[in-house]
C-alpha atoms as a PDB file:
ATOM      1  CA  MET A   1       0.000   0.000   0.000  1.00  0.00           C
ATOM      2  CA  THR A   2       1.526   3.258  -1.084  1.00  0.00           C
ATOM      3  CA  GLY A   3       0.525   6.846  -0.573  1.00  0.00           C
ATOM      4  CA  THR A   4       0.585   9.558   2.069  1.00  0.00           C
ATOM      5  CA  SER A   5      -1.418   7.902   4.832  1.00  0.00           C
ATOM      6  CA  THR A   6       0.391   7.572   8.150  1.00  0.00           C
ATOM      7  CA  GLN A   7      -2.302   5.452   9.792  1.00  0.00           C
ATOM      8  CA  ALA A   8      -1.286   1.833  10.242  1.00  0.00           C
ATOM      9  CA  PRO A   9      -3.736  -0.686   8.764  1.00  0.00           C
ATOM     10  CA  THR A  10      -5.772  -2.908  11.027  1.00  0.00           C
ATOM     11  CA  ALA A  11      -4.169  -6.349  11.080  1.00  0.00           C
ATOM     12  CA  LEU A  12      -6.381  -9.401  11.569  1.00  0.00           C
ATOM     13  CA  ALA A  13      -4.979 -12.654  12.894  1.00  0.00           C
ATOM     14  CA  GLU A  14      -5.950 -15.644  10.791  1.00  0.00           C
ATOM     15  CA  ALA A  15      -8.421 -17.018  13.326  1.00  0.00           C
ATOM     16  CA  LEU A  16     -10.221 -13.656  13.406  1.00  0.00           C
ATOM     17  CA  TRP A  17     -10.489 -13.075   9.689  1.00  0.00           C
ATOM     18  CA  ARG A  18     -11.549 -16.650   9.034  1.00  0.00           C
ATOM     19  CA  GLU A  19     -14.322 -16.283  11.613  1.00  0.00           C
ATOM     20  CA  ARG A  20     -15.479 -13.058   9.932  1.00  0.00           C
ATOM     21  CA  ALA A  21     -15.407 -14.718   6.528  1.00  0.00           C
ATOM     22  CA  ASP A  22     -17.417 -17.706   7.797  1.00  0.00           C
ATOM     23  CA  ARG A  23     -19.997 -15.462   9.467  1.00  0.00           C
ATOM     24  CA  HIS A  24     -20.333 -13.460   6.261  1.00  0.00           C
ATOM     25  CA  GLY A  25     -20.833 -16.635   4.228  1.00  0.00           C
ATOM     26  CA  ARG A  26     -23.596 -17.862   6.516  1.00  0.00           C
ATOM     27  CA  ARG A  27     -25.316 -14.492   6.345  1.00  0.00           C
ATOM     28  CA  VAL A  28     -25.288 -14.419   2.550  1.00  0.00           C
ATOM     29  CA  ASP A  29     -26.389 -18.044   2.289  1.00  0.00           C
ATOM     30  CA  ALA A  30     -29.513 -17.230   4.300  1.00  0.00           C
ATOM     31  CA  LEU A  31     -30.233 -14.149   2.187  1.00  0.00           C
ATOM     32  CA  VAL A  32     -29.948 -15.809  -1.218  1.00  0.00           C
ATOM     33  CA  ALA A  33     -31.278 -19.308  -0.477  1.00  0.00           C
ATOM     34  CA  ASP A  34     -34.796 -18.625  -1.772  1.00  0.00           C
ATOM     35  CA  HIS A  35     -33.481 -16.946  -4.910  1.00  0.00           C
ATOM     36  CA  LEU A  36     -31.196 -19.868  -5.706  1.00  0.00           C
ATOM     37  CA  ARG A  37     -34.020 -22.343  -5.144  1.00  0.00           C
ATOM     38  CA  ARG A  38     -36.341 -20.400  -7.463  1.00  0.00           C
ATOM     39  CA  ARG A  39     -33.600 -20.166 -10.067  1.00  0.00           C
ATOM     40  CA  ARG A  40     -33.121 -23.944 -10.020  1.00  0.00           C
ATOM     41  CA  GLU A  41     -36.887 -24.405 -10.401  1.00  0.00           C
ATOM     42  CA  GLY A  42     -37.202 -21.779 -13.136  1.00  0.00           C
ATOM     43  CA  VAL A  43     -39.558 -19.619 -11.071  1.00  0.00           C
ATOM     44  CA  ARG A  44     -39.511 -15.862 -11.606  1.00  0.00           C
ATOM     45  CA  HIS A  45     -40.116 -13.456  -8.715  1.00  0.00           C
ATOM     46  CA  PRO A  46     -41.496  -9.986  -9.520  1.00  0.00           C
ATOM     47  CA  VAL A  47     -39.850  -8.324  -6.525  1.00  0.00           C
ATOM     48  CA  GLU A  48     -36.590 -10.041  -5.623  1.00  0.00           C
ATOM     49  CA  ASP A  49     -35.263 -10.982  -9.065  1.00  0.00           C
ATOM     50  CA  PHE A  50     -34.491  -7.285  -9.506  1.00  0.00           C
ATOM     51  CA  LEU A  51     -31.658  -7.630  -6.987  1.00  0.00           C
ATOM     52  CA  PHE A  52     -29.925 -10.140  -9.250  1.00  0.00           C
ATOM     53  CA  THR A  53     -30.865  -8.882 -12.717  1.00  0.00           C
ATOM     54  CA  TYR A  54     -30.827  -5.085 -12.591  1.00  0.00           C
ATOM     55  CA  TYR A  55     -28.007  -5.385 -10.071  1.00  0.00           C
ATOM     56  CA  ASN A  56     -25.576  -7.814 -11.616  1.00  0.00           C
ATOM     57  CA  LEU A  57     -23.522  -9.082  -8.697  1.00  0.00           C
ATOM     58  CA  LYS A  58     -23.869 -12.854  -8.605  1.00  0.00           C
ATOM     59  CA  PRO A  59     -24.697 -14.629  -5.331  1.00  0.00           C
ATOM     60  CA  ALA A  60     -21.292 -16.334  -5.345  1.00  0.00           C
ATOM     61  CA  GLN A  61     -19.600 -12.945  -5.698  1.00  0.00           C
ATOM     62  CA  LEU A  62     -21.690 -11.500  -2.883  1.00  0.00           C
ATOM     63  CA  ARG A  63     -20.656 -14.440  -0.716  1.00  0.00           C
ATOM     64  CA  ARG A  64     -16.929 -13.884  -1.275  1.00  0.00           C
ATOM     65  CA  TRP A  65     -15.576 -12.074   1.784  1.00  0.00           C
ATOM     66  CA  HIS A  66     -13.183  -9.129   1.530  1.00  0.00           C
ATOM     67  CA  PRO A  67     -11.760  -7.185   4.492  1.00  0.00           C
ATOM     68  CA  GLY A  68     -11.697  -3.892   2.611  1.00  0.00           C
ATOM     69  CA  VAL A  69      -9.210  -1.056   2.435  1.00  0.00           C
ATOM     70  CA  GLY A  70      -7.277  -0.414   5.628  1.00  0.00           C
ATOM     71  CA  THR A  71      -7.395  -3.999   6.877  1.00  0.00           C
ATOM     72  CA  VAL A  72      -4.699  -6.604   6.257  1.00  0.00           C
ATOM     73  CA  LEU A  73      -4.733 -10.351   6.797  1.00  0.00           C
ATOM     74  CA  LEU A  74      -2.144 -12.293   8.735  1.00  0.00           C
ATOM     75  CA  GLY A  75      -1.273 -15.970   8.675  1.00  0.00           C
ATOM     76  CA  GLY A  76      -0.382 -18.548   6.067  1.00  0.00           C
ATOM     77  CA  GLY A  77      -3.929 -18.866   4.823  1.00  0.00           C
ATOM     78  CA  ALA A  78      -3.934 -15.243   3.704  1.00  0.00           C
ATOM     79  CA  ARG A  79      -1.428 -16.035   0.961  1.00  0.00           C
ATOM     80  CA  ALA A  80      -4.176 -17.717  -1.062  1.00  0.00           C
ATOM     81  CA  ARG A  81      -5.519 -14.216  -1.614  1.00  0.00           C
ATOM     82  CA  LEU A  82      -2.468 -13.378  -3.693  1.00  0.00           C
ATOM     83  CA  ASP A  83      -4.078 -15.246  -6.581  1.00  0.00           C
ATOM     84  CA  GLU A  84      -6.981 -12.783  -6.503  1.00  0.00           C
ATOM     85  CA  ARG A  85      -7.018  -9.465  -8.277  1.00  0.00           C
ATOM     86  CA  PHE A  86      -6.068  -6.394  -6.219  1.00  0.00           C
ATOM     87  CA  TYR A  87      -4.408  -8.323  -3.389  1.00  0.00           C
ATOM     88  CA  THR A  88      -0.712  -7.962  -2.662  1.00  0.00           C
ATOM     89  CA  GLU A  89       1.876  -8.998  -0.091  1.00  0.00           C
ATOM     90  CA  LEU A  90       2.833  -6.136   2.176  1.00  0.00           C
ATOM     91  CA  PRO A  91       5.986  -5.524   4.204  1.00  0.00           C
ATOM     92  CA  GLY A  92       6.089  -7.993   7.057  1.00  0.00           C
ATOM     93  CA  GLY A  93       4.232 -10.669   5.118  1.00  0.00           C
ATOM     94  CA  ALA A  94       0.645  -9.482   5.609  1.00  0.00           C
ATOM     95  CA  VAL A  95      -1.768  -9.566   2.665  1.00  0.00           C
ATOM     96  CA  GLY A  96      -4.004  -6.660   1.792  1.00  0.00           C
ATOM     97  CA  LEU A  97      -5.464  -4.462  -0.900  1.00  0.00           C
ATOM     98  CA  ASP A  98      -3.132  -3.256  -3.621  1.00  0.00           C
ATOM     99  CA  THR A  99      -4.500   0.269  -3.503  1.00  0.00           C
ATOM    100  CA  GLY A 100      -2.413   1.565  -6.376  1.00  0.00           C
ATOM    101  CA  ALA A 101      -3.585  -1.169  -8.726  1.00  0.00           C
ATOM    102  CA  PHE A 102      -7.169  -0.755  -7.572  1.00  0.00           C
ATOM    103  CA  LEU A 103      -7.217   3.000  -8.141  1.00  0.00           C
ATOM    104  CA  ALA A 104      -5.639   2.605 -11.569  1.00  0.00           C
ATOM    105  CA  ALA A 105      -8.264   0.059 -12.610  1.00  0.00           C
ATOM    106  CA  ARG A 106     -11.334   1.673 -11.015  1.00  0.00           C
ATOM    107  CA  PRO A 107     -11.807   5.180 -12.445  1.00  0.00           C
ATOM    108  CA  VAL A 108     -15.455   4.837 -11.371  1.00  0.00           C
ATOM    109  CA  LEU A 109     -14.283   5.895  -7.893  1.00  0.00           C
ATOM    110  CA  ASP A 110     -14.301   9.552  -8.986  1.00  0.00           C
ATOM    111  CA  PHE A 111     -17.925   9.329 -10.128  1.00  0.00           C
ATOM    112  CA  VAL A 112     -19.090   7.356  -7.104  1.00  0.00           C
ATOM    113  CA  GLU A 113     -17.431   9.693  -4.626  1.00  0.00           C
ATOM    114  CA  ARG A 114     -18.807  12.790  -6.328  1.00  0.00           C
ATOM    115  CA  LEU A 115     -22.304  11.299  -6.547  1.00  0.00           C
ATOM    116  CA  LEU A 116     -22.397  10.150  -2.923  1.00  0.00           C
ATOM    117  CA  SER A 117     -21.039  13.476  -1.685  1.00  0.00           C
ATOM    118  CA  SER A 118     -23.549  15.455  -3.742  1.00  0.00           C
ATOM    119  CA  VAL A 119     -26.518  13.413  -2.539  1.00  0.00           C
ATOM    120  CA  ALA A 120     -25.334  13.653   1.067  1.00  0.00           C
ATOM    121  CA  SER A 121     -25.113  17.448   0.814  1.00  0.00           C
ATOM    122  CA  ARG A 122     -28.769  18.074  -0.005  1.00  0.00           C
ATOM    123  CA  PRO A 123     -32.042  17.573   1.875  1.00  0.00           C
ATOM    124  CA  ALA A 124     -34.413  14.702   1.165  1.00  0.00           C
ATOM    125  CA  HIS A 125     -37.378  15.482  -1.056  1.00  0.00           C
ATOM    126  CA  LEU A 126     -40.349  13.278  -0.271  1.00  0.00           C
ATOM    127  CA  GLY A 127     -43.694  12.855  -1.930  1.00  0.00           C
ATOM    128  CA  CYS A 128     -42.921  11.280  -5.296  1.00  0.00           C
ATOM    129  CA  PHE A 129     -45.131   8.370  -4.124  1.00  0.00           C
ATOM    130  CA  GLY A 130     -43.352   5.828  -6.290  1.00  0.00           C
ATOM    131  CA  LEU A 131     -45.113   7.016  -9.418  1.00  0.00           C
ATOM    132  CA  HIS A 132     -42.113   6.073 -11.541  1.00  0.00           C
ATOM    133  CA  GLU A 133     -43.409   2.472 -11.582  1.00  0.00           C
ATOM    134  CA  TRP A 134     -46.805   3.712 -12.741  1.00  0.00           C
ATOM    135  CA  ALA A 135     -45.216   5.812 -15.472  1.00  0.00           C
ATOM    136  CA  MET A 136     -43.439   2.699 -16.755  1.00  0.00           C
ATOM    137  CA  VAL A 137     -46.786   1.134 -17.708  1.00  0.00           C
ATOM    138  CA  TYR A 138     -48.660   4.295 -18.709  1.00  0.00           C
ATOM    139  CA  ARG A 139     -50.722   3.889 -21.895  1.00  0.00           C
ATOM    140  CA  THR A 140     -49.135   0.602 -22.909  1.00  0.00           C
ATOM    141  CA  GLU A 141     -50.121  -3.040 -22.961  1.00  0.00           C
ATOM    142  CA  GLU A 142     -46.493  -4.121 -22.584  1.00  0.00           C
ATOM    143  CA  VAL A 143     -45.928  -4.224 -18.834  1.00  0.00           C
ATOM    144  CA  ARG A 144     -42.571  -5.136 -17.331  1.00  0.00           C
ATOM    145  CA  HIS A 145     -43.972  -7.825 -15.031  1.00  0.00           C
ATOM    146  CA  GLY A 146     -46.371  -9.677 -17.259  1.00  0.00           C
ATOM    147  CA  GLN A 147     -46.860 -12.517 -14.782  1.00  0.00           C
ATOM    148  CA  VAL A 148     -48.784 -10.272 -12.352  1.00  0.00           C
ATOM    149  CA  PRO A 149     -51.883  -8.152 -13.067  1.00  0.00           C
ATOM    150  CA  LEU A 150     -52.282  -4.427 -12.662  1.00  0.00           C
ATOM    151  CA  ARG A 151     -54.182  -3.696  -9.474  1.00  0.00           C
ATOM    152  CA  LEU A 152     -56.426  -1.035 -11.062  1.00  0.00           C
ATOM    153  CA  GLY A 153     -56.275  -2.294 -14.615  1.00  0.00           C
ATOM    154  CA  HIS A 154     -54.825  -0.300 -17.497  1.00  0.00           C
ATOM    155  CA  GLU A 155     -57.406   2.494 -17.492  1.00  0.00           C
ATOM    156  CA  GLY A 156     -57.299   2.912 -13.714  1.00  0.00           C
ATOM    157  CA  THR A 157     -53.502   2.984 -13.793  1.00  0.00           C
ATOM    158  CA  ASP A 158     -53.509   5.664 -16.485  1.00  0.00           C
ATOM    159  CA  ARG A 159     -55.924   7.784 -14.445  1.00  0.00           C
ATOM    160  CA  VAL A 160     -53.594   7.678 -11.432  1.00  0.00           C
ATOM    161  CA  VAL A 161     -50.694   8.889 -13.564  1.00  0.00           C
ATOM    162  CA  GLU A 162     -52.754  11.667 -15.116  1.00  0.00           C
ATOM    163  CA  SER A 163     -54.101  12.884 -11.781  1.00  0.00           C
ATOM    164  CA  HIS A 164     -50.693  13.272 -10.103  1.00  0.00           C
ATOM    165  CA  ARG A 165     -47.629  15.425 -10.511  1.00  0.00           C
ATOM    166  CA  ILE A 166     -44.817  13.150 -11.711  1.00  0.00           C
ATOM    167  CA  GLN A 167     -41.449  14.332 -10.392  1.00  0.00           C
ATOM    168  CA  CYS A 168     -38.930  11.549 -10.871  1.00  0.00           C
ATOM    169  CA  SER A 169     -35.315  12.733 -10.526  1.00  0.00           C
ATOM    170  CA  HIS A 170     -33.484   9.435 -11.017  1.00  0.00           C
ATOM    171  CA  PHE A 171     -32.213   8.677 -14.509  1.00  0.00           C
ATOM    172  CA  ASP A 172     -32.296   4.896 -14.179  1.00  0.00           C
ATOM    173  CA  ALA A 173     -35.979   5.032 -13.292  1.00  0.00           C
ATOM    174  CA  PHE A 174     -36.916   7.722 -15.793  1.00  0.00           C
ATOM    175  CA  ARG A 175     -35.328   5.871 -18.700  1.00  0.00           C
ATOM    176  CA  PHE A 176     -37.962   3.131 -18.353  1.00  0.00           C
ATOM    177  CA  PHE A 177     -40.904   5.534 -18.623  1.00  0.00           C
ATOM    178  CA  THR A 178     -43.180   4.896 -21.587  1.00  0.00           C
ATOM    179  CA  GLY A 179     -43.086   7.431 -24.387  1.00  0.00           C
ATOM    180  CA  PRO A 180     -46.393   9.045 -23.389  1.00  0.00           C
ATOM    181  CA  ALA A 181     -45.270   9.316 -19.753  1.00  0.00           C
ATOM    182  CA  ARG A 182     -41.979  11.100 -20.382  1.00  0.00           C
ATOM    183  CA  PRO A 183     -43.462  14.547 -21.105  1.00  0.00           C
ATOM    184  CA  LEU A 184     -45.483  14.335 -17.878  1.00  0.00           C
ATOM    185  CA  ASN A 185     -42.346  14.303 -15.726  1.00  0.00           C
ATOM    186  CA  THR A 186     -41.346  17.663 -14.294  1.00  0.00           C
ATOM    187  CA  LEU A 187     -37.637  16.836 -14.737  1.00  0.00           C
ATOM    188  CA  ARG A 188     -35.540  15.494 -17.600  1.00  0.00           C
ATOM    189  CA  PRO A 189     -32.943  13.292 -15.888  1.00  0.00           C
ATOM    190  CA  ILE A 190     -29.902  12.304 -17.925  1.00  0.00           C
ATOM    191  CA  ARG A 191     -26.835  10.342 -16.845  1.00  0.00           C
ATOM    192  CA  GLU A 192     -24.619  13.422 -17.011  1.00  0.00           C
ATOM    193  CA  ARG A 193     -26.829  15.200 -14.439  1.00  0.00           C
ATOM    194  CA  GLN A 194     -27.113  12.296 -12.000  1.00  0.00           C
ATOM    195  CA  ALA A 195     -24.921  13.863  -9.317  1.00  0.00           C
ATOM    196  CA  GLU A 196     -26.932  17.052  -9.643  1.00  0.00           C
ATOM    197  CA  LEU A 197     -30.389  15.483  -9.508  1.00  0.00           C
ATOM    198  CA  ASP A 198     -30.153  12.412  -7.263  1.00  0.00           C
ATOM    199  CA  GLN A 199     -31.385  13.145  -3.762  1.00  0.00           C
ATOM    200  CA  PRO A 200     -31.534  11.228  -0.468  1.00  0.00           C
ATOM    201  CA  GLY A 201     -35.309  10.786  -0.458  1.00  0.00           C
ATOM    202  CA  CYS A 202     -35.279   8.886  -3.759  1.00  0.00           C
ATOM    203  CA  LEU A 203     -35.883   5.169  -3.334  1.00  0.00           C
ATOM    204  CA  HIS A 204     -33.776   4.277  -6.358  1.00  0.00           C
ATOM    205  CA  ALA A 205     -30.858   6.471  -5.272  1.00  0.00           C
ATOM    206  CA  ASN A 206     -30.878   4.638  -1.946  1.00  0.00           C
ATOM    207  CA  MET A 207     -31.208   1.210  -3.557  1.00  0.00           C
ATOM    208  CA  ASP A 208     -28.187   2.083  -5.672  1.00  0.00           C
ATOM    209  CA  LEU A 209     -25.987   2.273  -2.594  1.00  0.00           C
ATOM    210  CA  TYR A 210     -25.706  -1.470  -3.100  1.00  0.00           C
ATOM    211  CA  LYS A 211     -24.479  -0.963  -6.646  1.00  0.00           C
ATOM    212  CA  TRP A 212     -21.805   1.524  -5.616  1.00  0.00           C
ATOM    213  CA  ALA A 213     -20.710  -0.767  -2.792  1.00  0.00           C
ATOM    214  CA  TYR A 214     -20.063  -3.720  -5.079  1.00  0.00           C
ATOM    215  CA  LYS A 215     -18.593  -1.525  -7.828  1.00  0.00           C
ATOM    216  CA  LEU A 216     -15.835  -0.691  -5.344  1.00  0.00           C
ATOM    217  CA  THR A 217     -15.255  -4.285  -4.218  1.00  0.00           C
ATOM    218  CA  PRO A 218     -12.818  -5.487  -2.869  1.00  0.00           C
ATOM    219  CA  ALA A 219     -12.030  -2.097  -1.331  1.00  0.00           C
ATOM    220  CA  VAL A 220     -15.406  -2.082   0.460  1.00  0.00           C
ATOM    221  CA  PRO A 221     -15.658  -4.459   3.434  1.00  0.00           C
ATOM    222  CA  SER A 222     -18.043  -7.246   2.511  1.00  0.00           C
ATOM    223  CA  GLU A 223     -20.126  -6.648   5.621  1.00  0.00           C
ATOM    224  CA  LEU A 224     -20.951  -3.186   4.273  1.00  0.00           C
ATOM    225  CA  VAL A 225     -21.804  -4.592   0.837  1.00  0.00           C
ATOM    226  CA  VAL A 226     -24.315  -6.966   2.435  1.00  0.00           C
ATOM    227  CA  ASP A 227     -25.724  -4.197   4.625  1.00  0.00           C
ATOM    228  CA  CYS A 228     -26.413  -2.287   1.402  1.00  0.00           C
ATOM    229  CA  PHE A 229     -27.885  -5.401  -0.230  1.00  0.00           C
ATOM    230  CA  GLU A 230     -30.339  -5.907   2.635  1.00  0.00           C
ATOM    231  CA  PHE A 231     -31.241  -2.226   2.575  1.00  0.00           C
ATOM    232  CA  SER A 232     -31.832  -2.367  -1.169  1.00  0.00           C
ATOM    233  CA  ARG A 233     -34.087  -5.388  -0.749  1.00  0.00           C
ATOM    234  CA  GLU A 234     -36.211  -3.552   1.821  1.00  0.00           C
ATOM    235  CA  ILE A 235     -36.574  -0.575  -0.501  1.00  0.00           C
ATOM    236  CA  ARG A 236     -37.381  -2.774  -3.464  1.00  0.00           C
ATOM    237  CA  THR A 237     -40.208  -4.309  -1.455  1.00  0.00           C
ATOM    238  CA  LEU A 238     -41.765  -0.896  -0.805  1.00  0.00           C
ATOM    239  CA  ASP A 239     -41.133   0.095  -4.415  1.00  0.00           C
ATOM    240  CA  MET A 240     -43.226  -2.804  -5.657  1.00  0.00           C
ATOM    241  CA  ARG A 241     -45.865  -2.652  -2.928  1.00  0.00           C
ATOM    242  CA  ALA A 242     -46.502   0.951  -3.999  1.00  0.00           C
ATOM    243  CA  SER A 243     -46.453   0.033  -7.692  1.00  0.00           C
ATOM    244  CA  PRO A 244     -49.517  -0.533  -9.894  1.00  0.00           C
ATOM    245  CA  TYR A 245     -49.015  -4.305  -9.742  1.00  0.00           C
ATOM    246  CA  ASP A 246     -51.238  -6.596  -7.682  1.00  0.00           C
ATOM    247  CA  LEU A 247     -48.776  -8.699  -5.697  1.00  0.00           C
ATOM    248  CA  THR A 248     -51.146 -10.054  -3.060  1.00  0.00           C
ATOM    249  CA  GLU A 249     -50.713 -13.613  -4.318  1.00  0.00           C
ATOM    250  CA  TRP A 250     -46.995 -13.195  -3.669  1.00  0.00           C
ATOM    251  CA  GLY A 251     -47.664 -12.119  -0.082  1.00  0.00           C
ATOM    252  CA  TYR A 252     -47.289  -8.351  -0.513  1.00  0.00           C
ATOM    253  CA  GLU A 253     -49.997  -6.002   0.694  1.00  0.00           C
ATOM    254  CA  PRO A 254     -50.277  -2.931  -1.527  1.00  0.00           C
ATOM    255  CA  VAL A 255     -49.380   0.565  -0.438  1.00  0.00           C
ATOM    256  CA  ARG A 256     -52.270   2.341  -2.163  1.00  0.00           C
ATOM    257  CA  ILE A 257     -50.545   5.575  -3.111  1.00  0.00           C
ATOM    258  CA  GLU A 258     -53.689   6.718  -4.932  1.00  0.00           C
ATOM    259  CA  THR A 259     -55.254   7.270  -1.474  1.00  0.00           C
ATOM    260  CA  ALA A 260     -54.360   9.720   1.295  1.00  0.00           C
ATOM    261  CA  GLU A 261     -53.575   6.860   3.673  1.00  0.00           C
ATOM    262  CA  GLY A 262     -51.300   5.224   1.151  1.00  0.00           C
ATOM    263  CA  LYS A 263     -49.464   8.461   0.479  1.00  0.00           C
ATOM    264  CA  ALA A 264     -48.854   8.981   4.194  1.00  0.00           C
ATOM    265  CA  ALA A 265     -47.527   5.435   4.599  1.00  0.00           C
ATOM    266  CA  TYR A 266     -45.248   5.827   1.608  1.00  0.00           C
ATOM    267  CA  MET A 267     -43.790   9.114   2.845  1.00  0.00           C
ATOM    268  CA  GLU A 268     -43.173   7.701   6.320  1.00  0.00           C
ATOM    269  CA  ALA A 269     -41.222   4.774   4.859  1.00  0.00           C
ATOM    270  CA  GLN A 270     -39.433   7.087   2.436  1.00  0.00           C
ATOM    271  CA  ARG A 271     -38.298   9.313   5.318  1.00  0.00           C
ATOM    272  CA  ASP A 272     -36.977   6.300   7.233  1.00  0.00           C
ATOM    273  CA  PHE A 273     -35.061   5.077   4.199  1.00  0.00           C
ATOM    274  CA  ALA A 274     -33.548   8.531   3.702  1.00  0.00           C
ATOM    275  CA  GLU A 275     -32.223   8.550   7.272  1.00  0.00           C
ATOM    276  CA  ARG A 276     -30.854   5.038   7.120  1.00  0.00           C
ATOM    277  CA  GLY A 277     -29.426   5.601   3.657  1.00  0.00           C
ATOM    278  CA  ALA A 278     -27.490   8.602   4.942  1.00  0.00           C
ATOM    279  CA  ALA A 279     -25.619   6.369   7.385  1.00  0.00           C
ATOM    280  CA  LEU A 280     -24.729   3.819   4.696  1.00  0.00           C
ATOM    281  CA  ARG A 281     -23.728   6.598   2.305  1.00  0.00           C
ATOM    282  CA  GLU A 282     -21.349   8.014   4.896  1.00  0.00           C
ATOM    283  CA  ARG A 283     -19.779   4.591   5.426  1.00  0.00           C
ATOM    284  CA  LEU A 284     -19.200   4.284   1.677  1.00  0.00           C
ATOM    285  CA  LEU A 285     -17.726   7.776   1.583  1.00  0.00           C
ATOM    286  CA  GLY A 286     -15.420   6.660   4.375  1.00  0.00           C
ATOM    287  CA  VAL A 287     -14.137   3.915   2.079  1.00  0.00           C
ATOM    288  CA  CYS A 288     -13.583   6.476  -0.683  1.00  0.00           C
ATOM    289  CA  ARG A 289     -11.614   8.689   1.688  1.00  0.00           C
ATOM    290  CA  ALA A 290      -9.548   5.750   2.909  1.00  0.00           C
ATOM    291  CA  LEU A 291      -8.687   4.838  -0.671  1.00  0.00           C
ATOM    292  CA  ARG A 292      -7.554   8.395  -1.358  1.00  0.00           C
ATOM    293  CA  ALA A 293      -5.384   8.425   1.776  1.00  0.00           C
ATOM    294  CA  ALA A 294      -3.823   4.980   1.396  1.00  0.00           C
END
């Protein structure tokens, strides 16, 4: 590890890091067991598949434990890591992140750090009510989740869209809007403006903390990656409960955002996610700062 940092890395004895790795593996196994079973059986899931299709980290990759920047591994077993990308032997025989090689190969760090910092600097805007999912099926017969019905039907769904102010700020949600829905949005998100427009109340911006965590693997401790995965799964559940789809047969009660009660419930959950997302965002920014200092 080269650079200007004067802080000594945390060194983990082999018994300690193996215990952490085993605990991480058990945690991930429990989280992905149902997905792997459904995949073997060829069963699609309208809520949870998103975590493995839109987000492209494979379960086996999620299960692989990494200590992260600033932590080095001791003991003979650590040498097996030298066959993995971005690991190197350090003075004294410890094994840790090759920060120089990682920074050279991961220019995405600049974007991620700027995006996370920008989102963290602004207040949360609530009250979008998850209408991005409704705008994705507005005036079309081609719905994204064809295996589940629309709760209000096509005409009822269109009326909800037309009777609300659509204010989606997240590019990766807006890009799936139908053609007729795009002009109804108050904003015109593009990738180049993502750091300017993303905000901490946005469900998708908070779900994406998982994406930025695994994009910076193995510099991000795997425990943090899984924390972001679990957080993203919670948000995805609300996202689909508040969507136009009828998921009651899958065990999900709808959040009826077309009603005052549903709007209040959505905003309460959105506020909670914004607060919890801020803590995860700061932890990821801490990784970015550690990489810069190493």
